[in-house]
C-alpha atoms as a PDB file:
ATOM      1  CA  MET A   1     -62.831  49.796 -35.263  1.00  0.00           C
ATOM      2  CA  ASP A   2     -60.879  51.950 -32.002  1.00  0.00           C
ATOM      3  CA  THR A   3     -59.930  48.529 -30.340  1.00  0.00           C
ATOM      4  CA  ASN A   4     -56.003  47.578 -30.891  1.00  0.00           C
ATOM      5  CA  TRP A   5     -56.343  43.355 -32.710  1.00  0.00           C
ATOM      6  CA  PHE A   6     -53.135  41.114 -32.068  1.00  0.00           C
ATOM      7  CA  ASN A   7     -52.943  37.750 -34.602  1.00  0.00           C
ATOM      8  CA  VAL A   8     -52.768  34.253 -32.697  1.00  0.00           C
ATOM      9  CA  GLY A   9     -53.698  32.539 -35.555  1.00  0.00           C
ATOM     10  CA  VAL A  10     -53.457  32.148 -39.423  1.00  0.00           C
ATOM     11  CA  ILE A  11     -56.357  29.958 -41.226  1.00  0.00           C
ATOM     12  CA  VAL A  12     -54.179  28.491 -43.378  1.00  0.00           C
ATOM     13  CA  ASN A  13     -56.720  25.668 -44.985  1.00  0.00           C
ATOM     14  CA  THR A  14     -59.604  23.912 -45.023  1.00  0.00           C
ATOM     15  CA  HIS A  15     -59.477  20.051 -42.908  1.00  0.00           C
ATOM     16  CA  GLY A  16     -62.135  17.501 -44.135  1.00  0.00           C
ATOM     17  CA  ILE A  17     -65.348  18.218 -45.349  1.00  0.00           C
ATOM     18  CA  ARG A  18     -67.227  18.831 -42.080  1.00  0.00           C
ATOM     19  CA  GLY A  19     -66.334  22.884 -41.892  1.00  0.00           C
ATOM     20  CA  ASP A  20     -62.616  22.435 -39.522  1.00  0.00           C
ATOM     21  CA  LEU A  21     -59.660  25.382 -40.571  1.00  0.00           C
ATOM     22  CA  LYS A  22     -56.432  24.436 -40.246  1.00  0.00           C
ATOM     23  CA  VAL A  23     -54.957  27.083 -38.530  1.00  0.00           C
ATOM     24  CA  LEU A  24     -51.522  27.886 -37.646  1.00  0.00           C
ATOM     25  CA  SER A  25     -51.124  29.229 -34.429  1.00  0.00           C
ATOM     26  CA  LYS A  26     -49.009  32.546 -34.113  1.00  0.00           C
ATOM     27  CA  THR A  27     -49.774  33.062 -29.938  1.00  0.00           C
ATOM     28  CA  ASP A  28     -48.427  31.028 -27.021  1.00  0.00           C
ATOM     29  CA  PHE A  29     -51.042  30.704 -25.775  1.00  0.00           C
ATOM     30  CA  PRO A  30     -53.113  28.581 -28.258  1.00  0.00           C
ATOM     31  CA  GLU A  31     -54.603  25.904 -25.452  1.00  0.00           C
ATOM     32  CA  GLU A  32     -56.245  29.109 -24.469  1.00  0.00           C
ATOM     33  CA  ARG A  33     -57.157  31.141 -26.914  1.00  0.00           C
ATOM     34  CA  PHE A  34     -58.900  28.231 -29.605  1.00  0.00           C
ATOM     35  CA  ALA A  35     -60.805  26.667 -25.992  1.00  0.00           C
ATOM     36  CA  LYS A  36     -64.038  26.695 -26.962  1.00  0.00           C
ATOM     37  CA  GLY A  37     -66.485  29.170 -26.849  1.00  0.00           C
ATOM     38  CA  LYS A  38     -63.733  31.599 -26.613  1.00  0.00           C
ATOM     39  CA  ARG A  39     -64.697  34.519 -28.713  1.00  0.00           C
ATOM     40  CA  LEU A  40     -62.237  36.054 -31.705  1.00  0.00           C
ATOM     41  CA  MET A  41     -62.004  38.159 -34.424  1.00  0.00           C
ATOM     42  CA  MET A  42     -61.257  36.567 -37.836  1.00  0.00           C
ATOM     43  CA  PHE A  43     -59.946  39.735 -40.810  1.00  0.00           C
ATOM     44  CA  HIS A  44     -58.810  39.745 -43.825  1.00  0.00           C
ATOM     45  CA  ASP A  45     -56.450  42.687 -44.705  1.00  0.00           C
ATOM     46  CA  GLU A  46     -56.956  42.811 -48.188  1.00  0.00           C
ATOM     47  CA  THR A  47     -60.501  42.814 -48.388  1.00  0.00           C
ATOM     48  CA  GLY A  48     -60.549  45.385 -45.484  1.00  0.00           C
ATOM     49  CA  GLN A  49     -63.476  42.529 -44.222  1.00  0.00           C
ATOM     50  CA  SER A  50     -63.731  41.768 -40.522  1.00  0.00           C
ATOM     51  CA  MET A  51     -66.186  39.474 -38.560  1.00  0.00           C
ATOM     52  CA  PRO A  52     -66.345  37.717 -34.989  1.00  0.00           C
ATOM     53  CA  VAL A  53     -66.731  34.308 -35.216  1.00  0.00           C
ATOM     54  CA  GLU A  54     -66.724  31.588 -31.702  1.00  0.00           C
ATOM     55  CA  ILE A  55     -64.996  28.366 -31.335  1.00  0.00           C
ATOM     56  CA  GLU A  56     -66.879  25.034 -31.284  1.00  0.00           C
ATOM     57  CA  GLN A  57     -63.631  23.327 -30.581  1.00  0.00           C
ATOM     58  CA  ALA A  58     -60.324  22.988 -31.391  1.00  0.00           C
ATOM     59  CA  ARG A  59     -57.221  20.161 -31.417  1.00  0.00           C
ATOM     60  CA  GLU A  60     -53.605  20.286 -31.809  1.00  0.00           C
ATOM     61  CA  GLN A  61     -52.376  18.306 -35.092  1.00  0.00           C
ATOM     62  CA  LYS A  62     -48.803  18.367 -36.208  1.00  0.00           C
ATOM     63  CA  GLY A  63     -48.153  21.776 -34.960  1.00  0.00           C
ATOM     64  CA  LEU A  64     -51.656  23.302 -36.875  1.00  0.00           C
ATOM     65  CA  TYR A  65     -54.979  23.848 -34.630  1.00  0.00           C
ATOM     66  CA  ILE A  66     -57.501  22.470 -35.861  1.00  0.00           C
ATOM     67  CA  ILE A  67     -60.598  24.585 -35.179  1.00  0.00           C
ATOM     68  CA  LYS A  68     -64.210  24.274 -35.815  1.00  0.00           C
ATOM     69  CA  LEU A  69     -66.146  27.430 -35.880  1.00  0.00           C
ATOM     70  CA  LYS A  70     -69.443  27.701 -34.529  1.00  0.00           C
ATOM     71  CA  GLY A  71     -72.482  28.090 -36.843  1.00  0.00           C
ATOM     72  CA  TYR A  72     -70.372  26.409 -39.424  1.00  0.00           C
ATOM     73  CA  SER A  73     -70.868  22.661 -40.887  1.00  0.00           C
ATOM     74  CA  ASN A  74     -69.194  22.202 -44.457  1.00  0.00           C
ATOM     75  CA  ILE A  75     -66.040  22.736 -46.355  1.00  0.00           C
ATOM     76  CA  ASN A  76     -67.592  24.973 -48.760  1.00  0.00           C
ATOM     77  CA  GLU A  77     -69.349  27.673 -45.883  1.00  0.00           C
ATOM     78  CA  VAL A  78     -65.592  27.858 -44.403  1.00  0.00           C
ATOM     79  CA  GLU A  79     -63.147  27.293 -47.473  1.00  0.00           C
ATOM     80  CA  LYS A  80     -63.235  31.300 -48.642  1.00  0.00           C
ATOM     81  CA  TYR A  81     -61.997  31.978 -45.381  1.00  0.00           C
ATOM     82  CA  LYS A  82     -58.323  30.322 -45.729  1.00  0.00           C
ATOM     83  CA  GLY A  83     -55.851  33.383 -45.823  1.00  0.00           C
ATOM     84  CA  TRP A  84     -57.725  35.451 -43.176  1.00  0.00           C
ATOM     85  CA  VAL A  85     -56.068  36.471 -40.151  1.00  0.00           C
ATOM     86  CA  LEU A  86     -57.646  35.079 -36.348  1.00  0.00           C
ATOM     87  CA  ARG A  87     -57.217  38.766 -33.559  1.00  0.00           C
ATOM     88  CA  VAL A  88     -58.233  39.242 -29.697  1.00  0.00           C
ATOM     89  CA  SER A  89     -58.833  42.609 -28.951  1.00  0.00           C
ATOM     90  CA  ALA A  90     -56.449  44.310 -26.049  1.00  0.00           C
ATOM     91  CA  GLU A  91     -58.375  44.247 -23.517  1.00  0.00           C
ATOM     92  CA  GLU A  92     -59.248  39.931 -23.724  1.00  0.00           C
ATOM     93  CA  GLN A  93     -55.685  39.405 -23.871  1.00  0.00           C
ATOM     94  CA  GLY A  94     -54.938  38.870 -20.233  1.00  0.00           C
ATOM     95  CA  THR A  95     -52.143  39.469 -17.857  1.00  0.00           C
ATOM     96  CA  LEU A  96     -48.595  37.553 -17.912  1.00  0.00           C
ATOM     97  CA  ASP A  97     -46.551  36.941 -14.967  1.00  0.00           C
ATOM     98  CA  GLU A  98     -43.486  38.995 -14.348  1.00  0.00           C
ATOM     99  CA  GLY A  99     -40.608  38.978 -17.163  1.00  0.00           C
ATOM    100  CA  GLU A 100     -43.585  36.954 -19.758  1.00  0.00           C
ATOM    101  CA  TYR A 101     -44.077  39.363 -22.401  1.00  0.00           C
ATOM    102  CA  PHE A 102     -46.206  39.101 -25.921  1.00  0.00           C
ATOM    103  CA  TYR A 103     -45.169  38.796 -28.780  1.00  0.00           C
ATOM    104  CA  HIS A 104     -46.272  42.215 -30.160  1.00  0.00           C
ATOM    105  CA  GLN A 105     -44.077  43.937 -26.964  1.00  0.00           C
ATOM    106  CA  ILE A 106     -40.522  41.467 -28.372  1.00  0.00           C
ATOM    107  CA  ILE A 107     -40.768  42.506 -32.067  1.00  0.00           C
ATOM    108  CA  GLY A 108     -39.528  46.222 -33.263  1.00  0.00           C
ATOM    109  CA  CYS A 109     -36.946  46.520 -29.822  1.00  0.00           C
ATOM    110  CA  GLU A 110     -33.476  47.536 -30.029  1.00  0.00           C
ATOM    111  CA  VAL A 111     -31.328  45.131 -28.969  1.00  0.00           C
ATOM    112  CA  TYR A 112     -28.208  46.546 -26.939  1.00  0.00           C
ATOM    113  CA  THR A 113     -25.283  44.085 -25.671  1.00  0.00           C
ATOM    114  CA  ASP A 114     -24.297  44.428 -21.470  1.00  0.00           C
ATOM    115  CA  GLU A 115     -21.472  46.232 -22.991  1.00  0.00           C
ATOM    116  CA  ASP A 116     -24.029  49.014 -24.626  1.00  0.00           C
ATOM    117  CA  GLU A 117     -22.760  48.484 -27.908  1.00  0.00           C
ATOM    118  CA  ARG A 118     -26.065  48.175 -30.437  1.00  0.00           C
ATOM    119  CA  LEU A 119     -27.009  44.883 -32.362  1.00  0.00           C
ATOM    120  CA  GLY A 120     -30.179  45.734 -34.419  1.00  0.00           C
ATOM    121  CA  THR A 121     -33.510  45.136 -34.010  1.00  0.00           C
ATOM    122  CA  VAL A 122     -36.376  41.921 -33.052  1.00  0.00           C
ATOM    123  CA  LYS A 123     -37.950  41.824 -36.687  1.00  0.00           C
ATOM    124  CA  GLU A 124     -39.834  37.858 -35.294  1.00  0.00           C
ATOM    125  CA  ILE A 125     -40.065  34.950 -32.589  1.00  0.00           C
ATOM    126  CA  LEU A 126     -39.359  31.770 -33.307  1.00  0.00           C
ATOM    127  CA  THR A 127     -40.992  28.988 -31.607  1.00  0.00           C
ATOM    128  CA  PRO A 128     -38.582  25.820 -32.346  1.00  0.00           C
ATOM    129  CA  GLY A 129     -39.469  23.937 -28.877  1.00  0.00           C
ATOM    130  CA  ALA A 130     -38.035  24.397 -25.494  1.00  0.00           C
ATOM    131  CA  ASN A 131     -37.307  27.885 -25.713  1.00  0.00           C
ATOM    132  CA  ASP A 132     -37.900  30.974 -28.129  1.00  0.00           C
ATOM    133  CA  VAL A 133     -35.557  32.715 -30.829  1.00  0.00           C
ATOM    134  CA  TRP A 134     -35.834  36.288 -31.072  1.00  0.00           C
ATOM    135  CA  VAL A 135     -34.380  37.162 -34.829  1.00  0.00           C
ATOM    136  CA  VAL A 136     -32.751  40.268 -34.578  1.00  0.00           C
ATOM    137  CA  GLU A 137     -32.211  41.754 -37.493  1.00  0.00           C
ATOM    138  CA  PRO A 138     -28.470  43.787 -37.780  1.00  0.00           C
ATOM    139  CA  ASP A 139     -27.793  47.358 -37.315  1.00  0.00           C
ATOM    140  CA  ASN A 140     -24.354  47.077 -39.550  1.00  0.00           C
ATOM    141  CA  GLY A 141     -25.484  45.808 -42.653  1.00  0.00           C
ATOM    142  CA  SER A 142     -24.385  41.914 -42.804  1.00  0.00           C
ATOM    143  CA  GLY A 143     -28.157  41.189 -43.899  1.00  0.00           C
ATOM    144  CA  LYS A 144     -27.428  38.025 -41.334  1.00  0.00           C
ATOM    145  CA  PRO A 145     -30.057  37.795 -38.810  1.00  0.00           C
ATOM    146  CA  ILE A 146     -28.139  37.550 -35.165  1.00  0.00           C
ATOM    147  CA  LEU A 147     -30.366  34.705 -33.595  1.00  0.00           C
ATOM    148  CA  LEU A 148     -31.115  35.003 -29.630  1.00  0.00           C
ATOM    149  CA  PRO A 149     -32.521  32.068 -27.642  1.00  0.00           C
ATOM    150  CA  VAL A 150     -34.615  33.636 -24.840  1.00  0.00           C
ATOM    151  CA  ILE A 151     -32.565  32.056 -21.515  1.00  0.00           C
ATOM    152  CA  ASP A 152     -31.624  33.680 -18.320  1.00  0.00           C
ATOM    153  CA  PRO A 153     -27.852  33.639 -19.650  1.00  0.00           C
ATOM    154  CA  VAL A 154     -28.504  35.777 -22.520  1.00  0.00           C
ATOM    155  CA  VAL A 155     -32.380  37.998 -22.117  1.00  0.00           C
ATOM    156  CA  LEU A 156     -30.270  39.926 -19.309  1.00  0.00           C
ATOM    157  CA  ASN A 157     -33.535  43.512 -19.249  1.00  0.00           C
ATOM    158  CA  VAL A 158     -35.892  43.887 -20.971  1.00  0.00           C
ATOM    159  CA  ASP A 159     -37.481  47.531 -21.124  1.00  0.00           C
ATOM    160  CA  VAL A 160     -40.454  47.376 -23.182  1.00  0.00           C
ATOM    161  CA  ALA A 161     -41.906  50.799 -22.338  1.00  0.00           C
ATOM    162  CA  ALA A 162     -38.539  51.975 -23.750  1.00  0.00           C
ATOM    163  CA  LYS A 163     -38.368  49.221 -26.348  1.00  0.00           C
ATOM    164  CA  ARG A 164     -35.143  48.457 -25.210  1.00  0.00           C
ATOM    165  CA  ILE A 165     -33.261  44.738 -24.998  1.00  0.00           C
ATOM    166  CA  THR A 166     -29.808  44.285 -23.177  1.00  0.00           C
ATOM    167  CA  VAL A 167     -28.214  40.622 -23.580  1.00  0.00           C
ATOM    168  CA  HIS A 168     -25.062  39.334 -23.052  1.00  0.00           C
ATOM    169  CA  LEU A 169     -23.696  36.992 -26.138  1.00  0.00           C
ATOM    170  CA  LEU A 170     -22.672  34.022 -25.537  1.00  0.00           C
ATOM    171  CA  GLU A 171     -19.498  32.526 -26.965  1.00  0.00           C
ATOM    172  CA  GLY A 172     -20.651  31.875 -30.615  1.00  0.00           C
ATOM    173  CA  LEU A 173     -23.788  33.295 -31.041  1.00  0.00           C
ATOM    174  CA  ILE A 174     -22.274  35.180 -33.156  1.00  0.00           C
END
């Protein structure tokens, strides 16, 4: 496949006996990605298998999404999909407003302070609540990750083309 695919969720378990699946969302837009009629691609990274699926219904429950795939009505039909990854194609990713970014655009960016000191590379994005938190793996080898809240006083500039982020370190962040 020549298409670029981006993770939107991971199937972590089944739910009930009617073929519902529990999905850990990996997207900022779960209401859009798991909307009724939305077409996604399901991948099993270990075997290389993939298959298109359509969302029949979805709801949020305790931090996970309970989804029902069109054409599946029994736990025995979907149990084999535990661990599979749900992805959306680059063409269906949509557009964002200015100052908004997809996860894949941020992960891997180099982070610098406003004094041009390199801090490290963004390795992960956490979504604990009010705002996202970028986990920066430091260059100095300390091993302790730097947690940067994604708020205006901290994040000064994001250049996804250059893979460079400039931040202002508030007192107590490091």
